[in-house]
Amino acid sequence: MSESYQVCQFPRLLFSHDALQAAALAQALLQEWGGGQVLVRSVQTDSLQMLMKTVNQLSAAAPRSHVMLLAPQMHSGKVLCACQVPKDSALLPASDWAVAVCRHFGGSGGGSALVAKGTGSSDDIPEALKWAEQFACQTTQR
């Protein structure tokens, strides 16, 4: 079953500069994403706040999807992580997902059942993305 997602047009007057950037980034990610139950991507930002806003925008546009974004920090080797899951996601709380992914690359995470964040270290972002997506897919199909 393939779900379709409409790319949202966000009114510019209602958002701060960060929110506008998050909305634009979310739109670009939604356009390149094929849809589905899990969206895991890497983005370039030094701001955990921007990462969280982008995850929120993605979740608003695709409310039945599990969304995680990783943001490698080139200057420090750290990776920022933010995720949000559907409100009815009993099998994969956001906090469990963030903790598992961040621990996988030597860090820590936390949050609520709906929204979570964390940090870790990784020089292999493609592997981290693959692992995060596989973890979500395996957990949601139990």
Protein backbone atom coordinates (compact mmCIF):
# COMPACT_ATOMS: atom_id res chain seq x y z
CA MET A 1 0.00 0.00 0.00
CA SER A 2 1.62 3.23 -1.12
CA GLU A 3 0.67 6.45 0.60
CA SER A 4 1.03 9.76 -1.15
CA TYR A 5 2.12 12.90 0.60
CA GLN A 6 1.36 16.39 -0.45
CA VAL A 7 4.19 18.86 -0.19
CA CYS A 8 2.94 21.57 2.12
CA GLN A 9 3.25 25.21 1.23
CA PHE A 10 4.06 27.01 4.46
CA PRO A 11 2.96 30.67 4.75
CA ARG A 12 6.10 32.79 5.00
CA LEU A 13 4.64 35.44 7.28
CA LEU A 14 3.91 33.04 10.11
CA PHE A 15 7.41 31.63 10.57
CA SER A 16 10.72 32.81 11.95
CA HIS A 17 13.86 32.56 9.82
CA ASP A 18 14.72 29.15 11.37
CA ALA A 19 11.21 27.88 10.76
CA LEU A 20 11.37 29.02 7.13
CA GLN A 21 14.65 27.18 6.66
CA ALA A 22 13.19 24.09 8.32
CA ALA A 23 10.11 24.25 6.09
CA ALA A 24 12.23 24.58 2.95
CA LEU A 25 14.45 21.68 4.00
CA ALA A 26 11.40 19.55 4.83
CA GLN A 27 9.88 20.29 1.43
CA ALA A 28 13.08 19.25 -0.35
CA LEU A 29 13.30 16.02 1.66
CA LEU A 30 9.65 15.17 1.02
CA GLN A 31 10.07 15.73 -2.72
CA GLU A 32 13.02 13.32 -2.94
CA TRP A 33 11.52 10.75 -0.57
CA GLY A 34 9.36 8.04 -2.12
CA GLY A 35 6.97 7.85 0.84
CA GLY A 36 6.57 5.00 3.25
CA GLN A 37 6.58 4.25 6.94
CA VAL A 38 10.18 5.31 7.70
CA LEU A 39 12.14 8.39 6.63
CA VAL A 40 15.80 8.52 7.69
CA ARG A 41 18.10 11.12 6.13
CA SER A 42 21.23 13.14 6.74
CA VAL A 43 21.11 16.93 6.55
CA GLN A 44 23.63 19.72 6.96
CA THR A 45 22.96 21.93 9.97
CA ASP A 46 24.89 22.90 13.07
CA SER A 47 21.71 23.58 15.02
CA LEU A 48 19.84 20.93 16.99
CA GLN A 49 16.93 23.37 17.13
CA MET A 50 16.84 23.54 13.30
CA LEU A 51 17.04 19.75 13.14
CA MET A 52 14.10 19.40 15.54
CA LYS A 53 12.04 21.97 13.59
CA THR A 54 12.70 20.13 10.33
CA VAL A 55 11.68 16.80 11.87
CA ASN A 56 8.51 18.46 13.14
CA GLN A 57 7.72 19.84 9.66
CA LEU A 58 8.28 16.41 8.09
CA SER A 59 6.07 14.74 10.68
CA ALA A 60 3.32 17.29 10.08
CA ALA A 61 3.42 16.56 6.35
CA ALA A 62 3.72 12.77 6.80
CA PRO A 63 1.96 12.10 10.14
CA ARG A 64 1.92 8.31 9.76
CA SER A 65 5.68 8.05 9.18
CA HIS A 66 8.60 7.56 11.55
CA VAL A 67 11.07 10.38 10.86
CA MET A 68 14.74 10.62 11.87
CA LEU A 69 17.34 13.12 10.74
CA LEU A 70 21.06 12.94 11.43
CA ALA A 71 23.32 15.98 11.10
CA PRO A 72 27.07 15.30 11.03
CA GLN A 73 29.18 18.04 12.58
CA MET A 74 32.30 18.19 10.43
CA HIS A 75 34.31 20.33 12.86
CA SER A 76 33.81 18.01 15.86
CA GLY A 77 33.04 14.54 14.47
CA LYS A 78 29.77 14.54 16.40
CA VAL A 79 26.40 13.65 14.90
CA LEU A 80 23.17 15.35 15.98
CA CYS A 81 20.06 13.15 15.93
CA ALA A 82 16.37 14.09 16.05
CA CYS A 83 13.30 11.93 15.52
CA GLN A 84 9.54 11.92 15.76
CA VAL A 85 7.07 9.06 15.41
CA PRO A 86 3.31 8.85 14.82
CA LYS A 87 1.14 9.36 17.90
CA ASP A 88 -0.11 5.79 17.65
CA SER A 89 3.35 4.20 17.30
CA ALA A 90 3.22 1.65 20.11
CA LEU A 91 6.05 -0.51 18.74
CA LEU A 92 8.68 2.22 18.35
CA PRO A 93 8.72 5.11 20.82
CA ALA A 94 10.89 8.00 19.63
CA SER A 95 12.99 7.84 22.79
CA ASP A 96 13.86 4.16 22.19
CA TRP A 97 14.81 4.89 18.59
CA ALA A 98 17.03 7.87 19.47
CA VAL A 99 18.71 5.99 22.31
CA ALA A 100 19.40 2.91 20.14
CA VAL A 101 20.81 4.92 17.23
CA CYS A 102 22.90 7.28 19.38
CA ARG A 103 24.29 4.40 21.45
CA HIS A 104 25.15 2.59 18.22
CA PHE A 105 27.56 5.39 17.43
CA GLY A 106 28.85 5.96 20.95
CA GLY A 107 26.53 8.64 22.24
CA SER A 108 23.31 9.08 24.13
CA GLY A 109 19.79 10.23 23.48
CA GLY A 110 16.44 10.64 25.10
CA GLY A 111 13.05 12.26 24.90
CA SER A 112 9.43 11.24 24.94
CA ALA A 113 7.46 8.53 23.20
CA LEU A 114 6.66 11.05 20.44
CA VAL A 115 9.83 13.18 20.01
CA ALA A 116 13.47 12.55 20.90
CA LYS A 117 17.00 13.77 20.24
CA GLY A 118 20.59 12.86 20.96
CA THR A 119 24.20 12.96 19.85
CA GLY A 120 26.95 10.54 19.01
CA SER A 121 30.11 10.23 16.93
CA SER A 122 30.44 8.63 13.53
CA ASP A 123 32.67 8.98 10.53
CA ASP A 124 30.42 6.64 8.51
CA ILE A 125 27.13 8.49 8.06
CA PRO A 126 25.82 6.16 5.31
CA GLU A 127 26.23 3.20 7.69
CA ALA A 128 24.56 5.14 10.53
CA LEU A 129 21.60 6.01 8.28
CA LYS A 130 21.26 2.41 7.13
CA TRP A 131 21.40 1.12 10.70
CA ALA A 132 18.80 3.67 11.90
CA GLU A 133 16.41 2.77 9.09
CA GLN A 134 16.85 -0.98 9.58
CA PHE A 135 16.26 -0.63 13.32
CA ALA A 136 13.01 1.27 12.71
CA CYS A 137 11.78 -1.10 10.04
CA GLN A 138 12.51 -4.20 12.10
CA THR A 139 10.95 -2.74 15.23
CA THR A 140 7.75 -1.51 13.56
CA GLN A 141 7.14 -4.87 11.86
CA ARG A 142 7.03 -6.95 15.06
